[in-house]
Amino acid sequence: MARRLPPLNSLKSFEAAGRLLSFTRAAHELNVTQAAVSHQIKLIEGYLDVTLFVRTPRKLVLTEQGRALLPDIIEAFDKLSNAIGAVRQDPSSKMISVRLAPSFAAKWLSPRLKYFWLQHPEIDLRLYHAHPAVEFDREEIDIAVTYGKGDWPGVVADPILSLDFYPVCTPAFMSNDRPLSNIDNLRYYSLLHDANYECWSDWLKLAKIEGINANKGTIIDDTNVLIQAAVDGQGVALGSTTFVQDLLDSGKLVKPFDITLVNEFAYYVVCPEAHLKNSSVLAFKDWLLALTEKPLPV
């Protein structure tokens, strides 16, 4: 008996828009335009002859019919994703998809990857770069390295790299009219923030410095760009040895103070436990964990 269903793209658009309560965010997730999502919603509403969303000036709201339909659609897509994933997870596959935090990949992993390929020439890596934690049930990613507290649901997370944080700046800031050789002069400089204000706030508390608003300054969501901004004299950044040691060695950056913050965040190697049935995924994870015990030269 043939199933009577609306077009798959309409169901996907409804599921994403209903889950995110935003046509814009749904379009971004589905890699289509907002107009395309709106069109697909109109198609499924016409097919069902109901209204699924109320579009208000400030937010998108599900109607009663939309709220009733959404959980079953989400469950159906999750089951479909799991079924496809079970077939796709070939334990003998030699190509694995890896999602990496960009700065970690550029500064820490990339110089060491040659050692992985020397040990495992049979394994090919497909590398992707992004900051957010992977939604493994919705993305075709085998394993990831993500920055956080390691408390993501539904995955096995093992720490591989903690960071230390201390102010870094261009050498010019050490010899101008308000030199940073005096820690009290920090109040005269712009603070450069990595993703949010929390790290600078924690460092200022550790340093017992008052009178500086940690919730001001430029937020830059890429550590590589943040550090370059410090090199360019745009302000003072909190650097980590992993990311700035070469610039300190070359003199492009200086460390004006010896106060160092270590917080509860770290880089974790992360994946669902089922993915470790793939011998290539397990080999990549084991190699990363081995580096935490015996670092390799770069």
Protein backbone atom coordinates (compact mmCIF):
# COMPACT_ATOMS: atom_id res chain seq x y z
CA MET A 1 0.00 0.00 0.00
CA ALA A 2 1.50 3.31 -1.09
CA ARG A 3 2.10 5.85 1.69
CA ARG A 4 0.60 9.28 1.18
CA LEU A 5 3.17 11.74 2.45
CA PRO A 6 4.01 15.36 1.74
CA PRO A 7 7.33 16.05 -0.03
CA LEU A 8 10.38 15.14 2.06
CA ASN A 9 11.82 18.67 1.76
CA SER A 10 8.63 20.08 3.27
CA LEU A 11 8.87 17.70 6.21
CA LYS A 12 12.55 18.57 6.71
CA SER A 13 11.78 22.29 6.64
CA PHE A 14 8.93 21.91 9.12
CA GLU A 15 11.05 19.78 11.47
CA ALA A 16 13.95 22.26 11.45
CA ALA A 17 11.76 25.38 11.74
CA GLY A 18 9.65 23.82 14.49
CA ARG A 19 12.65 22.63 16.47
CA LEU A 20 14.53 25.92 16.13
CA LEU A 21 11.45 28.21 16.02
CA SER A 22 13.13 30.24 13.32
CA PHE A 23 12.95 30.15 9.53
CA THR A 24 16.34 31.87 9.39
CA ARG A 25 18.10 29.32 11.59
CA ALA A 26 16.33 26.47 9.81
CA ALA A 27 17.54 27.82 6.46
CA HIS A 28 21.11 27.98 7.80
CA GLU A 29 20.95 24.41 9.10
CA LEU A 30 19.48 23.10 5.83
CA ASN A 31 21.83 25.21 3.71
CA VAL A 32 18.99 26.85 1.78
CA THR A 33 17.47 30.31 1.71
CA GLN A 34 14.88 31.56 4.17
CA ALA A 35 12.49 31.98 1.25
CA ALA A 36 12.94 28.31 0.38
CA VAL A 37 12.04 27.26 3.93
CA SER A 38 8.98 29.53 3.89
CA HIS A 39 7.92 28.04 0.56
CA GLN A 40 8.25 24.48 1.86
CA ILE A 41 6.22 25.36 4.96
CA LYS A 42 3.46 26.73 2.74
CA LEU A 43 3.53 23.49 0.73
CA ILE A 44 3.07 21.27 3.78
CA GLU A 45 0.42 23.57 5.23
CA GLY A 46 -1.44 23.37 1.93
CA TYR A 47 -1.04 19.58 1.84
CA LEU A 48 -2.44 19.24 5.37
CA ASP A 49 -4.89 22.14 5.04
CA VAL A 50 -3.82 23.49 8.42
CA THR A 51 -1.69 26.35 9.71
CA LEU A 52 1.44 25.11 11.47
CA PHE A 53 3.04 28.41 12.50
CA VAL A 54 1.94 31.83 13.64
CA ARG A 55 4.40 34.43 12.38
CA THR A 56 4.65 37.30 14.88
CA PRO A 57 7.00 40.31 14.50
CA ARG A 58 9.32 39.03 17.22
CA LYS A 59 9.18 35.26 17.06
CA LEU A 60 7.82 32.18 15.34
CA VAL A 61 5.16 30.24 17.26
CA LEU A 62 3.80 26.75 16.59
CA THR A 63 0.05 26.44 16.37
CA GLU A 64 -1.78 23.71 18.26
CA GLN A 65 -1.63 21.51 15.13
CA GLY A 66 2.06 22.26 14.73
CA ARG A 67 2.82 21.34 18.35
CA ALA A 68 0.92 18.09 17.94
CA LEU A 69 2.76 17.14 14.74
CA LEU A 70 6.33 18.17 15.58
CA PRO A 71 7.33 15.45 18.12
CA ASP A 72 6.33 12.63 15.76
CA ILE A 73 8.20 14.24 12.86
CA ILE A 74 11.33 14.69 15.00
CA GLU A 75 11.11 11.07 16.16
CA ALA A 76 10.66 9.86 12.59
CA PHE A 77 13.73 11.76 11.36
CA ASP A 78 15.77 10.54 14.35
CA LYS A 79 14.83 6.92 13.57
CA LEU A 80 15.66 7.42 9.91
CA SER A 81 19.01 8.99 10.82
CA ASN A 82 19.84 6.13 13.19
CA ALA A 83 18.91 3.54 10.57
CA ILE A 84 21.10 5.21 7.95
CA GLY A 85 23.90 5.64 10.49
CA ALA A 86 23.81 1.96 11.42
CA VAL A 87 24.31 0.99 7.78
CA ARG A 88 26.85 3.75 7.17
CA GLN A 89 29.00 2.82 10.16
CA ASP A 90 31.02 0.22 8.35
CA PRO A 91 33.50 -1.12 10.93
CA SER A 92 36.06 -1.63 8.20
CA SER A 93 35.79 1.88 6.70
CA LYS A 94 39.17 3.56 6.21
CA MET A 95 37.75 7.06 5.58
CA ILE A 96 36.52 8.95 8.64
CA SER A 97 35.02 12.42 9.01
CA VAL A 98 36.54 14.52 11.79
CA ARG A 99 35.17 17.86 13.07
CA LEU A 100 37.76 20.10 14.73
CA ALA A 101 37.85 23.40 16.57
CA PRO A 102 39.67 25.65 14.04
CA SER A 103 42.43 27.02 16.31
CA PHE A 104 43.14 23.60 17.80
CA ALA A 105 43.45 22.19 14.28
CA ALA A 106 45.74 24.96 13.03
CA LYS A 107 48.08 25.32 15.99
CA TRP A 108 48.12 21.94 17.72
CA LEU A 109 46.87 19.13 15.51
CA SER A 110 48.09 20.06 12.04
CA PRO A 111 51.84 19.96 12.89
CA ARG A 112 51.37 16.48 14.40
CA LEU A 113 49.15 14.83 11.78
CA LYS A 114 52.18 13.57 9.88
CA TYR A 115 52.78 11.14 12.75
CA PHE A 116 49.25 9.77 12.50
CA TRP A 117 49.66 9.06 8.80
CA LEU A 118 53.04 7.43 9.43
CA GLN A 119 51.35 5.06 11.88
CA HIS A 120 48.11 4.60 9.91
CA PRO A 121 48.77 5.14 6.20
CA GLU A 122 45.64 3.10 5.42
CA ILE A 123 43.29 5.66 7.09
CA ASP A 124 42.09 8.75 5.25
CA LEU A 125 40.74 11.73 7.17
CA ARG A 126 38.09 14.16 5.99
CA LEU A 127 38.59 17.24 8.18
CA TYR A 128 35.90 19.83 8.91
CA HIS A 129 36.30 22.93 11.09
CA ALA A 130 33.69 24.58 13.33
CA HIS A 131 33.26 25.65 16.96
CA PRO A 132 29.89 24.26 18.12
CA ALA A 133 29.52 20.78 19.55
CA VAL A 134 28.57 18.19 16.93
CA GLU A 135 24.99 16.92 16.77
CA PHE A 136 26.06 13.41 15.83
CA ASP A 137 22.50 12.29 15.17
CA ARG A 138 22.10 15.04 12.56
CA GLU A 139 25.59 15.44 11.08
CA GLU A 140 27.71 12.95 9.16
CA ILE A 141 30.67 13.25 11.53
CA ASP A 142 32.48 10.23 12.96
CA ILE A 143 34.52 11.89 15.69
CA ALA A 144 35.26 15.44 16.86
CA VAL A 145 37.53 17.60 18.98
CA THR A 146 35.47 20.20 20.83
CA TYR A 147 36.24 22.83 23.47
CA GLY A 148 34.08 22.79 26.58
CA LYS A 149 33.47 21.09 29.92
CA GLY A 150 33.03 17.59 28.49
CA ASP A 151 29.40 17.36 29.59
CA TRP A 152 27.75 16.81 26.20
CA PRO A 153 24.91 14.26 26.29
CA GLY A 154 25.03 10.99 24.36
CA VAL A 155 28.78 10.92 23.72
CA VAL A 156 32.02 9.64 25.19
CA ALA A 157 34.30 12.62 25.91
CA ASP A 158 37.98 12.39 26.91
CA PRO A 159 40.14 15.47 27.65
CA ILE A 160 43.23 15.88 25.51
CA LEU A 161 44.40 19.47 26.04
CA SER A 162 43.85 22.07 28.75
CA LEU A 163 44.71 25.73 28.20
CA ASP A 164 46.42 28.39 30.28
CA PHE A 165 45.40 32.02 29.82
CA TYR A 166 47.46 35.18 30.29
CA PRO A 167 47.44 38.64 28.68
CA VAL A 168 49.45 39.14 25.51
CA CYS A 169 49.97 42.30 23.49
CA THR A 170 52.16 43.97 20.92
CA PRO A 171 55.60 45.07 22.27
CA ALA A 172 54.61 48.68 21.49
CA PHE A 173 52.26 48.63 24.48
CA MET A 174 55.25 48.18 26.81
CA SER A 175 56.97 51.43 25.91
CA ASN A 176 54.28 54.02 25.14
CA ASP A 177 52.87 56.73 27.43
CA ARG A 178 50.92 54.18 29.49
CA PRO A 179 53.20 51.14 29.44
CA LEU A 180 51.78 47.77 30.36
CA SER A 181 54.84 47.13 32.49
CA ASN A 182 52.52 48.71 35.07
CA ILE A 183 49.51 46.41 35.55
CA ASP A 184 47.35 49.38 36.61
CA ASN A 185 47.61 50.72 33.05
CA LEU A 186 45.62 47.77 31.72
CA ARG A 187 42.48 49.89 32.25
CA TYR A 188 43.55 52.15 29.35
CA TYR A 189 43.54 49.35 26.76
CA SER A 190 40.79 47.54 24.88
CA LEU A 191 40.20 43.96 25.96
CA LEU A 192 39.96 41.43 23.14
CA HIS A 193 37.60 38.56 23.98
CA ASP A 194 37.53 35.01 22.62
CA ALA A 195 33.85 34.04 22.06
CA ASN A 196 32.55 35.62 25.30
CA TYR A 197 33.48 37.85 28.26
CA GLU A 198 33.94 35.07 30.83
CA CYS A 199 37.65 34.40 30.51
CA TRP A 200 38.73 38.02 30.99
CA SER A 201 36.31 38.33 33.92
CA ASP A 202 37.89 35.28 35.58
CA TRP A 203 41.43 36.53 34.91
CA LEU A 204 40.71 39.99 36.38
CA LYS A 205 39.28 38.33 39.51
CA LEU A 206 42.37 36.13 39.79
CA ALA A 207 44.62 39.17 39.38
CA LYS A 208 42.50 41.10 41.94
CA ILE A 209 42.18 44.04 39.56
CA GLU A 210 39.21 46.32 40.12
CA GLY A 211 37.80 49.15 38.06
CA ILE A 212 37.96 47.36 34.68
CA ASN A 213 34.71 46.32 33.01
CA ALA A 214 35.31 42.82 31.65
CA ASN A 215 32.02 43.01 29.74
CA LYS A 216 33.33 45.52 27.23
CA GLY A 217 35.58 45.14 24.23
CA THR A 218 35.61 43.26 20.95
CA ILE A 219 34.42 39.65 20.88
CA ILE A 220 36.14 37.52 18.22
CA ASP A 221 34.94 33.93 17.79
CA ASP A 222 38.14 32.65 16.16
CA THR A 223 41.26 32.39 18.30
CA ASN A 224 43.54 32.77 15.27
CA VAL A 225 41.89 36.10 14.39
CA LEU A 226 41.92 37.15 18.05
CA ILE A 227 45.66 36.62 18.35
CA GLN A 228 46.29 38.42 15.07
CA ALA A 229 44.29 41.37 16.41
CA ALA A 230 46.66 41.49 19.39
CA VAL A 231 49.67 41.37 17.06
CA ASP A 232 48.14 44.26 15.10
CA GLY A 233 47.82 46.36 18.26
CA GLN A 234 44.03 46.37 18.44
CA GLY A 235 44.05 45.56 22.16
CA VAL A 236 45.14 43.05 24.78
CA ALA A 237 44.10 39.41 24.37
CA LEU A 238 44.22 36.43 26.65
CA GLY A 239 46.57 34.02 24.95
CA SER A 240 47.39 30.38 25.65
CA THR A 241 50.82 28.85 25.35
CA THR A 242 49.56 26.40 22.72
CA PHE A 243 48.50 29.27 20.46
CA VAL A 244 50.99 32.08 21.16
CA GLN A 245 54.34 30.54 22.11
CA ASP A 246 55.76 30.95 18.61
CA LEU A 247 54.72 34.62 18.57
CA LEU A 248 56.28 35.17 22.01
CA ASP A 249 59.48 33.51 20.81
CA SER A 250 59.61 35.73 17.72
CA GLY A 251 58.90 38.90 19.68
CA LYS A 252 55.68 39.73 17.83
CA LEU A 253 53.82 39.39 21.13
CA VAL A 254 54.89 39.91 24.72
CA LYS A 255 53.50 38.66 28.02
CA PRO A 256 53.34 41.72 30.26
CA PHE A 257 52.20 39.91 33.45
CA ASP A 258 52.98 36.54 35.00
CA ILE A 259 49.44 35.85 36.28
CA THR A 260 48.05 32.75 34.56
CA LEU A 261 44.49 31.43 34.64
CA VAL A 262 43.59 27.76 34.20
CA ASN A 263 39.84 27.09 34.07
CA GLU A 264 37.63 24.02 33.89
CA PHE A 265 37.41 23.99 30.09
CA ALA A 266 39.52 21.79 27.81
CA TYR A 267 39.63 20.28 24.35
CA TYR A 268 37.92 16.89 24.32
CA VAL A 269 37.89 14.09 21.77
CA VAL A 270 34.21 13.28 21.42
CA CYS A 271 32.00 10.70 19.69
CA PRO A 272 29.07 8.38 20.38
CA GLU A 273 30.22 5.06 21.82
CA ALA A 274 28.79 3.21 18.81
CA HIS A 275 31.21 5.02 16.49
CA LEU A 276 34.14 3.35 18.22
CA LYS A 277 33.13 0.08 16.58
CA ASN A 278 34.77 1.56 13.51
CA SER A 279 38.43 0.57 13.88
CA SER A 280 39.59 3.74 12.09
CA VAL A 281 37.67 6.00 14.48
CA LEU A 282 39.08 4.08 17.44
CA ALA A 283 42.60 4.34 16.03
CA PHE A 284 42.31 8.12 15.63
CA LYS A 285 40.95 8.54 19.16
CA ASP A 286 43.64 6.31 20.68
CA TRP A 287 46.33 8.26 18.82
CA LEU A 288 45.03 11.58 20.20
CA LEU A 289 44.86 10.22 23.74
CA ALA A 290 48.38 8.84 23.45
CA LEU A 291 49.62 12.36 22.64
CA THR A 292 48.37 13.57 26.02
CA GLU A 293 50.71 11.07 27.71
CA LYS A 294 53.69 11.38 25.38
CA PRO A 295 53.69 14.55 23.26
CA LEU A 296 55.36 14.37 19.85
CA PRO A 297 57.76 17.02 18.51
CA VAL A 298 56.39 19.53 15.99
